Each structure stands twice: as structure tokens, then as C-alpha cells.
Amino acid sequence: MKSVLVRSELSEFFDGVRRTGRRVVFTNGCFDLLHPGHLRLLSKAAAEGDVLVVAINDDDSVRGLKGAGRPIYPAEERSEVLLALRWVDYVTVFPEETPLAAIERVRPDVLVKGAEYRERDIVGASFVKSLGGRVVRVPMKKGHSTRLLVKRMTDPPE
């Protein structure tokens, strides 16, 4: 059943998932305003395994990364939207600037990020590979980013 998992549940829960032979896929981000680039990433991530967990930054870490005025929606609402998507099985919220602690608890078989990141710059890539897992980089849809969406909404056309 789709749900938000708290940090203390991650290790035991995903160990159980893997014992059933299912492959766990992990991706992360702020997911503040969903756009076609996010949907492409999530659909491709889901296709890499059997269970997709999406880790999202908590509200304070989004503010730290993206600045004042972000997130547009609080973590609870971002989680709700993500869980409504057919590709997403579980969401977890992390308070740190990076998802490394969540990745270490989930121990995914596949780590997915957008192709704008080089593999060596993807947080958790070396950890996942050390477990025998894979890192997948998904080409992003050009011109789609939350930053650009917010700019379009707040800057009137000339």
C-alpha cells in the first residue's frame, strides 16, 4: 500500500521488500511543482525496478537549497501529490541537504537522477554501486524546471 515512510522504518521495510525478490528504485528531489521533466524522471525510474521510493527534502532543506519563497507546497502536500502518481510507491522526507542518510537506509538496487548530474556528482552513487546496484541517469526535458515555472508565473511577459 502506498504511503509515506518515516526514517526509522526505512531499513527494515526495504530489507523486507528485497527479501521478496523485488528490486527497489530510489530517486530524490524537492518536487515542489511537478512538471513534465519530473514525470519523465519518475516514469523512467519506476521502469527500472519493482518498487519506487521518492525521497523529498523537508521544507527547511528546500528553503536552504532554493531560497526564500520555496517550497511552494509543504512536504506533506508534495508527498500527497507524488503518491497520487501511478509510478510512485513510497515517499520519505529527509531533513538534510542531501539524501545520503536515506539512501543508506533504503539500500536501493537502482539510484535514479536526472542526466544533468554527472554520475560522480550524484549523492549516494558510490554507495549504491558498492552494494552491487546501478546508477541510472535520465535525460531531462529541456526547458522544464521548477525555477523556470516560478519565473514564468511571477514575471509578466513583455
N, C-alpha and C. Protein backbone atom coordinates (compact mmCIF):
# COMPACT_ATOMS: atom_id res chain seq x y z
N MET A 1 0.84 -1.19 0.00
CA MET A 1 0.00 0.00 0.00
C MET A 1 0.88 1.24 0.00
N LYS A 2 0.56 2.20 -0.85
CA LYS A 2 1.33 3.44 -0.96
C LYS A 2 1.31 4.19 0.37
N SER A 3 2.47 4.75 0.74
CA SER A 3 2.48 5.52 1.99
C SER A 3 3.77 6.33 2.11
N VAL A 4 3.73 7.23 3.10
CA VAL A 4 4.92 7.98 3.49
C VAL A 4 5.59 7.17 4.59
N LEU A 5 6.88 6.90 4.41
CA LEU A 5 7.63 6.14 5.41
C LEU A 5 8.55 7.08 6.17
N VAL A 6 8.58 6.93 7.48
CA VAL A 6 9.48 7.74 8.30
C VAL A 6 10.84 7.07 8.36
N ARG A 7 11.84 7.86 8.67
CA ARG A 7 13.23 7.41 8.65
C ARG A 7 13.44 6.11 9.42
N SER A 8 12.83 5.98 10.58
CA SER A 8 13.05 4.79 11.41
C SER A 8 12.51 3.51 10.77
N GLU A 9 11.63 3.63 9.79
CA GLU A 9 11.04 2.46 9.12
C GLU A 9 11.83 1.98 7.91
N LEU A 10 12.68 2.84 7.37
CA LEU A 10 13.26 2.58 6.05
C LEU A 10 14.06 1.28 5.95
N SER A 11 15.01 1.09 6.84
CA SER A 11 15.89 -0.08 6.73
C SER A 11 15.11 -1.38 6.78
N GLU A 12 14.32 -1.55 7.82
CA GLU A 12 13.58 -2.80 7.99
C GLU A 12 12.58 -3.01 6.86
N PHE A 13 11.87 -1.95 6.49
CA PHE A 13 10.85 -2.06 5.45
C PHE A 13 11.46 -2.52 4.13
N PHE A 14 12.52 -1.85 3.67
CA PHE A 14 13.08 -2.19 2.37
C PHE A 14 13.91 -3.46 2.40
N ASP A 15 14.42 -3.86 3.55
CA ASP A 15 15.03 -5.19 3.66
C ASP A 15 13.96 -6.24 3.37
N GLY A 16 12.76 -6.03 3.91
CA GLY A 16 11.65 -6.95 3.66
C GLY A 16 11.23 -6.98 2.21
N VAL A 17 11.21 -5.82 1.57
CA VAL A 17 10.86 -5.75 0.15
C VAL A 17 11.86 -6.55 -0.67
N ARG A 18 13.15 -6.37 -0.40
CA ARG A 18 14.18 -7.10 -1.16
C ARG A 18 14.12 -8.60 -0.92
N ARG A 19 13.74 -9.01 0.30
CA ARG A 19 13.63 -10.45 0.58
C ARG A 19 12.57 -11.12 -0.29
N THR A 20 11.61 -10.36 -0.77
CA THR A 20 10.58 -10.91 -1.65
C THR A 20 11.05 -10.97 -3.11
N GLY A 21 12.29 -10.53 -3.35
CA GLY A 21 12.85 -10.57 -4.70
C GLY A 21 12.56 -9.34 -5.54
N ARG A 22 11.92 -8.35 -4.95
CA ARG A 22 11.61 -7.14 -5.72
C ARG A 22 12.80 -6.17 -5.69
N ARG A 23 13.02 -5.50 -6.82
CA ARG A 23 14.10 -4.51 -6.92
C ARG A 23 13.59 -3.14 -6.50
N VAL A 24 14.36 -2.50 -5.61
CA VAL A 24 14.00 -1.19 -5.08
C VAL A 24 14.73 -0.10 -5.86
N VAL A 25 13.96 0.88 -6.32
CA VAL A 25 14.50 2.03 -7.05
C VAL A 25 14.31 3.27 -6.19
N PHE A 26 15.31 4.13 -6.17
CA PHE A 26 15.31 5.33 -5.33
C PHE A 26 15.59 6.54 -6.21
N THR A 27 14.83 7.60 -6.02
CA THR A 27 15.17 8.90 -6.59
C THR A 27 14.82 9.95 -5.55
N ASN A 28 15.30 11.14 -5.77
CA ASN A 28 15.05 12.19 -4.77
C ASN A 28 15.01 13.56 -5.42
N GLY A 29 14.49 14.51 -4.67
CA GLY A 29 14.45 15.90 -5.10
C GLY A 29 13.48 16.67 -4.25
N CYS A 30 13.28 17.93 -4.62
CA CYS A 30 12.32 18.78 -3.89
C CYS A 30 10.89 18.49 -4.36
N PHE A 31 10.71 18.29 -5.66
CA PHE A 31 9.40 18.01 -6.25
C PHE A 31 8.37 19.03 -5.77
N ASP A 32 8.75 20.29 -5.90
CA ASP A 32 7.93 21.39 -5.40
C ASP A 32 6.72 21.66 -6.29
N LEU A 33 6.93 21.79 -7.57
CA LEU A 33 5.86 21.91 -8.56
C LEU A 33 6.14 20.86 -9.62
N LEU A 34 5.27 19.89 -9.75
CA LEU A 34 5.51 18.85 -10.75
C LEU A 34 5.38 19.41 -12.16
N HIS A 35 6.29 19.00 -13.02
CA HIS A 35 6.28 19.43 -14.42
C HIS A 35 6.66 18.22 -15.28
N PRO A 36 6.59 18.35 -16.60
CA PRO A 36 6.87 17.20 -17.47
C PRO A 36 8.24 16.56 -17.24
N GLY A 37 9.24 17.32 -16.85
CA GLY A 37 10.54 16.74 -16.55
C GLY A 37 10.48 15.79 -15.37
N HIS A 38 9.74 16.18 -14.33
CA HIS A 38 9.56 15.30 -13.18
C HIS A 38 8.84 14.02 -13.58
N LEU A 39 7.80 14.17 -14.37
CA LEU A 39 7.02 13.00 -14.76
C LEU A 39 7.86 12.03 -15.59
N ARG A 40 8.69 12.56 -16.46
CA ARG A 40 9.59 11.71 -17.25
C ARG A 40 10.55 10.97 -16.32
N LEU A 41 11.14 11.68 -15.38
CA LEU A 41 12.07 11.07 -14.43
C LEU A 41 11.39 9.96 -13.64
N LEU A 42 10.21 10.23 -13.10
CA LEU A 42 9.52 9.25 -12.27
C LEU A 42 9.07 8.03 -13.07
N SER A 43 8.60 8.23 -14.30
CA SER A 43 8.17 7.08 -15.10
C SER A 43 9.37 6.22 -15.48
N LYS A 44 10.47 6.84 -15.85
CA LYS A 44 11.68 6.08 -16.19
C LYS A 44 12.24 5.38 -14.96
N ALA A 45 12.21 6.05 -13.81
CA ALA A 45 12.70 5.44 -12.57
C ALA A 45 11.87 4.20 -12.24
N ALA A 46 10.56 4.32 -12.32
CA ALA A 46 9.69 3.19 -12.00
C ALA A 46 9.96 1.99 -12.91
N ALA A 47 10.32 2.26 -14.15
CA ALA A 47 10.58 1.19 -15.10
C ALA A 47 11.88 0.43 -14.80
N GLU A 48 12.71 0.96 -13.91
CA GLU A 48 13.99 0.34 -13.57
C GLU A 48 13.89 -0.75 -12.51
N GLY A 49 12.72 -0.90 -11.91
CA GLY A 49 12.59 -1.91 -10.86
C GLY A 49 11.15 -2.19 -10.53
N ASP A 50 10.93 -2.68 -9.33
CA ASP A 50 9.59 -3.09 -8.92
C ASP A 50 8.92 -2.14 -7.94
N VAL A 51 9.72 -1.45 -7.15
CA VAL A 51 9.20 -0.57 -6.11
C VAL A 51 9.97 0.75 -6.19
N LEU A 52 9.24 1.85 -6.34
CA LEU A 52 9.88 3.17 -6.41
C LEU A 52 9.63 3.95 -5.14
N VAL A 53 10.73 4.35 -4.50
CA VAL A 53 10.65 5.24 -3.34
C VAL A 53 11.24 6.59 -3.75
N VAL A 54 10.50 7.64 -3.43
CA VAL A 54 10.94 9.00 -3.74
C VAL A 54 11.22 9.70 -2.42
N ALA A 55 12.45 10.16 -2.27
CA ALA A 55 12.83 10.92 -1.07
C ALA A 55 12.75 12.40 -1.41
N ILE A 56 12.03 13.15 -0.58
CA ILE A 56 11.92 14.59 -0.82
C ILE A 56 12.53 15.36 0.34
N ASN A 57 13.09 16.51 0.00
CA ASN A 57 13.65 17.40 1.00
C ASN A 57 12.53 17.94 1.87
N ASP A 58 12.79 18.06 3.18
CA ASP A 58 11.79 18.70 4.03
C ASP A 58 11.77 20.20 3.72
N ASP A 59 10.83 20.91 4.30
CA ASP A 59 10.63 22.32 3.96
C ASP A 59 11.86 23.18 4.27
N ASP A 60 12.49 22.94 5.42
CA ASP A 60 13.68 23.73 5.78
C ASP A 60 14.83 23.49 4.80
N SER A 61 15.04 22.23 4.40
CA SER A 61 16.15 21.98 3.48
C SER A 61 15.85 22.53 2.08
N VAL A 62 14.58 22.56 1.68
CA VAL A 62 14.23 23.19 0.39
C VAL A 62 14.56 24.68 0.46
N ARG A 63 14.18 25.33 1.56
CA ARG A 63 14.48 26.76 1.72
C ARG A 63 15.99 26.99 1.65
N GLY A 64 16.75 26.12 2.30
CA GLY A 64 18.20 26.25 2.29
C GLY A 64 18.80 26.08 0.89
N LEU A 65 18.22 25.20 0.11
CA LEU A 65 18.73 24.94 -1.24
C LEU A 65 18.21 25.93 -2.27
N LYS A 66 16.94 26.29 -2.16
CA LYS A 66 16.28 27.06 -3.22
C LYS A 66 16.02 28.53 -2.86
N GLY A 67 16.09 28.86 -1.57
CA GLY A 67 15.90 30.24 -1.16
C GLY A 67 14.50 30.54 -0.65
N ALA A 68 14.33 31.81 -0.28
CA ALA A 68 13.05 32.28 0.27
C ALA A 68 11.94 32.06 -0.75
N GLY A 69 10.77 31.79 -0.24
CA GLY A 69 9.62 31.57 -1.11
C GLY A 69 9.46 30.13 -1.56
N ARG A 70 10.39 29.28 -1.20
CA ARG A 70 10.31 27.87 -1.53
C ARG A 70 10.35 27.09 -0.23
N PRO A 71 9.73 26.00 -0.08
CA PRO A 71 8.92 25.37 -1.12
C PRO A 71 7.59 26.09 -1.30
N ILE A 72 7.00 25.88 -2.44
CA ILE A 72 5.68 26.44 -2.70
C ILE A 72 4.64 25.66 -1.93
N TYR A 73 4.81 24.35 -1.88
CA TYR A 73 3.92 23.47 -1.11
C TYR A 73 4.72 22.77 -0.02
N PRO A 74 4.12 22.59 1.15
CA PRO A 74 4.83 21.90 2.23
C PRO A 74 5.02 20.41 1.91
N ALA A 75 5.95 19.79 2.61
CA ALA A 75 6.32 18.40 2.36
C ALA A 75 5.11 17.47 2.40
N GLU A 76 4.20 17.68 3.32
CA GLU A 76 3.02 16.82 3.42
C GLU A 76 2.22 16.83 2.12
N GLU A 77 2.04 18.01 1.53
CA GLU A 77 1.28 18.11 0.28
C GLU A 77 2.08 17.60 -0.90
N ARG A 78 3.40 17.84 -0.93
CA ARG A 78 4.22 17.29 -2.01
C ARG A 78 4.19 15.77 -1.97
N SER A 79 4.21 15.20 -0.77
CA SER A 79 4.12 13.74 -0.62
C SER A 79 2.80 13.22 -1.16
N GLU A 80 1.73 13.91 -0.83
CA GLU A 80 0.39 13.50 -1.27
C GLU A 80 0.29 13.49 -2.80
N VAL A 81 0.82 14.52 -3.43
CA VAL A 81 0.79 14.60 -4.89
C VAL A 81 1.61 13.47 -5.50
N LEU A 82 2.81 13.23 -4.97
CA LEU A 82 3.66 12.16 -5.51
C LEU A 82 2.99 10.80 -5.38
N LEU A 83 2.38 10.54 -4.23
CA LEU A 83 1.75 9.24 -4.01
C LEU A 83 0.52 9.04 -4.91
N ALA A 84 -0.04 10.12 -5.43
CA ALA A 84 -1.18 10.01 -6.35
C ALA A 84 -0.74 9.53 -7.73
N LEU A 85 0.56 9.61 -8.01
CA LEU A 85 1.07 9.17 -9.31
C LEU A 85 1.22 7.66 -9.34
N ARG A 86 0.88 7.05 -10.45
CA ARG A 86 0.92 5.59 -10.54
C ARG A 86 2.31 5.01 -10.37
N TRP A 87 3.35 5.78 -10.68
CA TRP A 87 4.71 5.25 -10.64
C TRP A 87 5.30 5.20 -9.23
N VAL A 88 4.78 6.02 -8.33
CA VAL A 88 5.40 6.19 -7.01
C VAL A 88 4.73 5.27 -5.99
N ASP A 89 5.54 4.45 -5.32
CA ASP A 89 5.01 3.53 -4.32
C ASP A 89 5.15 4.08 -2.90
N TYR A 90 6.29 4.73 -2.62
CA TYR A 90 6.55 5.24 -1.28
C TYR A 90 7.27 6.57 -1.37
N VAL A 91 7.03 7.39 -0.36
CA VAL A 91 7.73 8.67 -0.22
C VAL A 91 8.33 8.69 1.17
N THR A 92 9.51 9.28 1.27
CA THR A 92 10.09 9.57 2.57
C THR A 92 10.62 10.99 2.52
N VAL A 93 10.61 11.66 3.65
CA VAL A 93 11.04 13.05 3.75
C VAL A 93 12.34 13.09 4.54
N PHE A 94 13.33 13.81 4.01
CA PHE A 94 14.61 13.91 4.72
C PHE A 94 14.94 15.36 5.04
N PRO A 95 15.55 15.59 6.23
CA PRO A 95 15.83 16.96 6.66
C PRO A 95 17.20 17.49 6.23
N GLU A 96 18.08 16.61 5.79
CA GLU A 96 19.42 17.05 5.44
C GLU A 96 19.45 17.70 4.07
N GLU A 97 20.58 18.32 3.75
CA GLU A 97 20.75 18.93 2.43
C GLU A 97 20.83 17.87 1.34
N THR A 98 21.36 16.69 1.68
CA THR A 98 21.47 15.61 0.71
C THR A 98 20.70 14.38 1.21
N PRO A 99 20.35 13.47 0.30
CA PRO A 99 19.60 12.28 0.69
C PRO A 99 20.47 11.09 1.13
N LEU A 100 21.75 11.31 1.39
CA LEU A 100 22.65 10.19 1.65
C LEU A 100 22.17 9.29 2.79
N ALA A 101 21.73 9.87 3.90
CA ALA A 101 21.27 9.04 5.03
C ALA A 101 20.07 8.18 4.62
N ALA A 102 19.17 8.73 3.82
CA ALA A 102 18.00 7.95 3.35
C ALA A 102 18.46 6.84 2.41
N ILE A 103 19.40 7.15 1.52
CA ILE A 103 19.92 6.14 0.59
C ILE A 103 20.56 5.00 1.37
N GLU A 104 21.33 5.34 2.39
CA GLU A 104 22.00 4.31 3.19
C GLU A 104 21.00 3.42 3.93
N ARG A 105 19.86 3.97 4.29
CA ARG A 105 18.84 3.17 4.98
C ARG A 105 18.04 2.32 4.00
N VAL A 106 17.70 2.89 2.86
CA VAL A 106 16.90 2.16 1.86
C VAL A 106 17.75 1.09 1.17
N ARG A 107 19.01 1.40 0.90
CA ARG A 107 19.92 0.48 0.20
C ARG A 107 19.32 0.04 -1.14
N PRO A 108 19.00 1.01 -2.01
CA PRO A 108 18.32 0.66 -3.26
C PRO A 108 19.18 -0.15 -4.21
N ASP A 109 18.49 -0.90 -5.06
CA ASP A 109 19.15 -1.64 -6.13
C ASP A 109 19.51 -0.71 -7.28
N VAL A 110 18.70 0.33 -7.45
CA VAL A 110 18.92 1.29 -8.53
C VAL A 110 18.71 2.70 -7.97
N LEU A 111 19.64 3.59 -8.29
CA LEU A 111 19.55 5.00 -7.92
C LEU A 111 19.36 5.79 -9.21
N VAL A 112 18.32 6.61 -9.28
CA VAL A 112 17.99 7.35 -10.49
C VAL A 112 18.05 8.85 -10.23
N LYS A 113 18.72 9.56 -11.13
CA LYS A 113 18.78 11.02 -11.10
C LYS A 113 18.69 11.54 -12.53
N GLY A 114 18.47 12.82 -12.66
CA GLY A 114 18.45 13.45 -13.97
C GLY A 114 19.84 13.46 -14.58
N ALA A 115 19.89 13.42 -15.91
CA ALA A 115 21.17 13.36 -16.62
C ALA A 115 21.95 14.66 -16.53
N GLU A 116 21.36 15.70 -15.97
CA GLU A 116 22.13 16.93 -15.79
C GLU A 116 23.22 16.76 -14.73
N TYR A 117 23.11 15.69 -13.95
CA TYR A 117 24.13 15.35 -12.95
C TYR A 117 25.10 14.34 -13.55
N ARG A 118 26.39 14.58 -13.36
CA ARG A 118 27.39 13.58 -13.71
C ARG A 118 27.34 12.50 -12.64
N GLU A 119 27.59 11.26 -13.02
CA GLU A 119 27.49 10.17 -12.06
C GLU A 119 28.36 10.42 -10.83
N ARG A 120 29.55 10.93 -11.03
CA ARG A 120 30.44 11.16 -9.88
C ARG A 120 29.90 12.23 -8.94
N ASP A 121 28.95 13.04 -9.40
CA ASP A 121 28.36 14.08 -8.56
C ASP A 121 27.03 13.67 -7.93
N ILE A 122 26.55 12.49 -8.24
CA ILE A 122 25.27 12.03 -7.71
C ILE A 122 25.49 11.49 -6.29
N VAL A 123 24.83 12.13 -5.34
CA VAL A 123 24.94 11.71 -3.95
C VAL A 123 24.46 10.27 -3.80
N GLY A 124 25.29 9.43 -3.20
CA GLY A 124 24.94 8.04 -2.95
C GLY A 124 25.31 7.09 -4.06
N ALA A 125 25.80 7.60 -5.19
CA ALA A 125 26.12 6.72 -6.33
C ALA A 125 27.18 5.69 -5.95
N SER A 126 28.24 6.12 -5.32
CA SER A 126 29.30 5.16 -4.98
C SER A 126 28.82 4.14 -3.95
N PHE A 127 27.96 4.57 -3.03
CA PHE A 127 27.40 3.65 -2.03
C PHE A 127 26.56 2.58 -2.71
N VAL A 128 25.65 2.99 -3.58
CA VAL A 128 24.76 2.04 -4.27
C VAL A 128 25.58 1.07 -5.11
N LYS A 129 26.57 1.57 -5.82
CA LYS A 129 27.41 0.71 -6.65
C LYS A 129 28.22 -0.26 -5.78
N SER A 130 28.62 0.17 -4.58
CA SER A 130 29.38 -0.72 -3.69
C SER A 130 28.53 -1.91 -3.23
N LEU A 131 27.21 -1.75 -3.29
CA LEU A 131 26.29 -2.83 -2.91
C LEU A 131 25.94 -3.71 -4.10
N GLY A 132 26.51 -3.39 -5.26
CA GLY A 132 26.19 -4.14 -6.47
C GLY A 132 25.04 -3.53 -7.26
N GLY A 133 24.59 -2.34 -6.85
CA GLY A 133 23.48 -1.68 -7.53
C GLY A 133 23.93 -0.87 -8.73
N ARG A 134 22.96 -0.24 -9.36
CA ARG A 134 23.21 0.55 -10.56
C ARG A 134 22.79 1.99 -10.35
N VAL A 135 23.40 2.88 -11.13
CA VAL A 135 23.02 4.29 -11.17
C VAL A 135 22.51 4.57 -12.58
N VAL A 136 21.33 5.16 -12.67
CA VAL A 136 20.73 5.47 -13.97
C VAL A 136 20.50 6.98 -14.03
N ARG A 137 20.96 7.55 -15.13
CA ARG A 137 20.76 8.99 -15.37
C ARG A 137 19.71 9.15 -16.47
N VAL A 138 18.64 9.88 -16.18
CA VAL A 138 17.53 10.05 -17.11
C VAL A 138 17.66 11.42 -17.80
N PRO A 139 17.67 11.43 -19.14
CA PRO A 139 17.70 12.72 -19.85
C PRO A 139 16.50 13.57 -19.44
N MET A 140 16.77 14.81 -19.15
CA MET A 140 15.69 15.70 -18.71
C MET A 140 15.06 16.42 -19.90
N LYS A 141 13.83 16.82 -19.72
CA LYS A 141 13.09 17.54 -20.76
C LYS A 141 13.56 19.00 -20.74
N LYS A 142 14.15 19.43 -21.83
CA LYS A 142 14.69 20.78 -21.90
C LYS A 142 13.62 21.83 -21.64
N GLY A 143 14.02 22.85 -20.89
CA GLY A 143 13.12 23.97 -20.64
C GLY A 143 12.14 23.74 -19.50
N HIS A 144 12.24 22.59 -18.82
CA HIS A 144 11.34 22.31 -17.72
C HIS A 144 12.12 22.27 -16.41
N SER A 145 11.82 23.22 -15.56
CA SER A 145 12.36 23.22 -14.20
C SER A 145 11.41 24.01 -13.33
N THR A 146 11.41 23.72 -12.06
CA THR A 146 10.55 24.46 -11.14
C THR A 146 10.95 25.93 -11.13
N ARG A 147 12.26 26.19 -11.17
CA ARG A 147 12.74 27.57 -11.17
C ARG A 147 12.15 28.33 -12.35
N LEU A 148 12.16 27.73 -13.55
CA LEU A 148 11.60 28.39 -14.73
C LEU A 148 10.09 28.57 -14.61
N LEU A 149 9.40 27.57 -14.06
CA LEU A 149 7.95 27.70 -13.87
C LEU A 149 7.62 28.87 -12.95
N VAL A 150 8.32 28.96 -11.83
CA VAL A 150 8.08 30.05 -10.88
C VAL A 150 8.37 31.39 -11.55
N LYS A 151 9.45 31.46 -12.31
CA LYS A 151 9.79 32.71 -13.02
C LYS A 151 8.69 33.10 -14.00
N ARG A 152 8.19 32.13 -14.76
CA ARG A 152 7.11 32.42 -15.71
C ARG A 152 5.86 32.92 -15.01
N MET A 153 5.57 32.37 -13.83
CA MET A 153 4.37 32.76 -13.11
C MET A 153 4.49 34.13 -12.46
N THR A 154 5.71 34.53 -12.11
CA THR A 154 5.88 35.79 -11.37
C THR A 154 6.34 36.95 -12.23
N ASP A 155 6.94 36.66 -13.39
CA ASP A 155 7.40 37.72 -14.29
C ASP A 155 6.41 37.84 -15.45
N PRO A 156 5.70 38.97 -15.55
CA PRO A 156 4.75 39.10 -16.66
C PRO A 156 5.49 39.17 -17.99
N PRO A 157 4.87 38.62 -19.04
CA PRO A 157 5.51 38.67 -20.37
C PRO A 157 5.60 40.12 -20.84
N GLU A 158 6.64 40.38 -21.60
CA GLU A 158 6.82 41.75 -22.09
C GLU A 158 6.22 41.93 -23.45
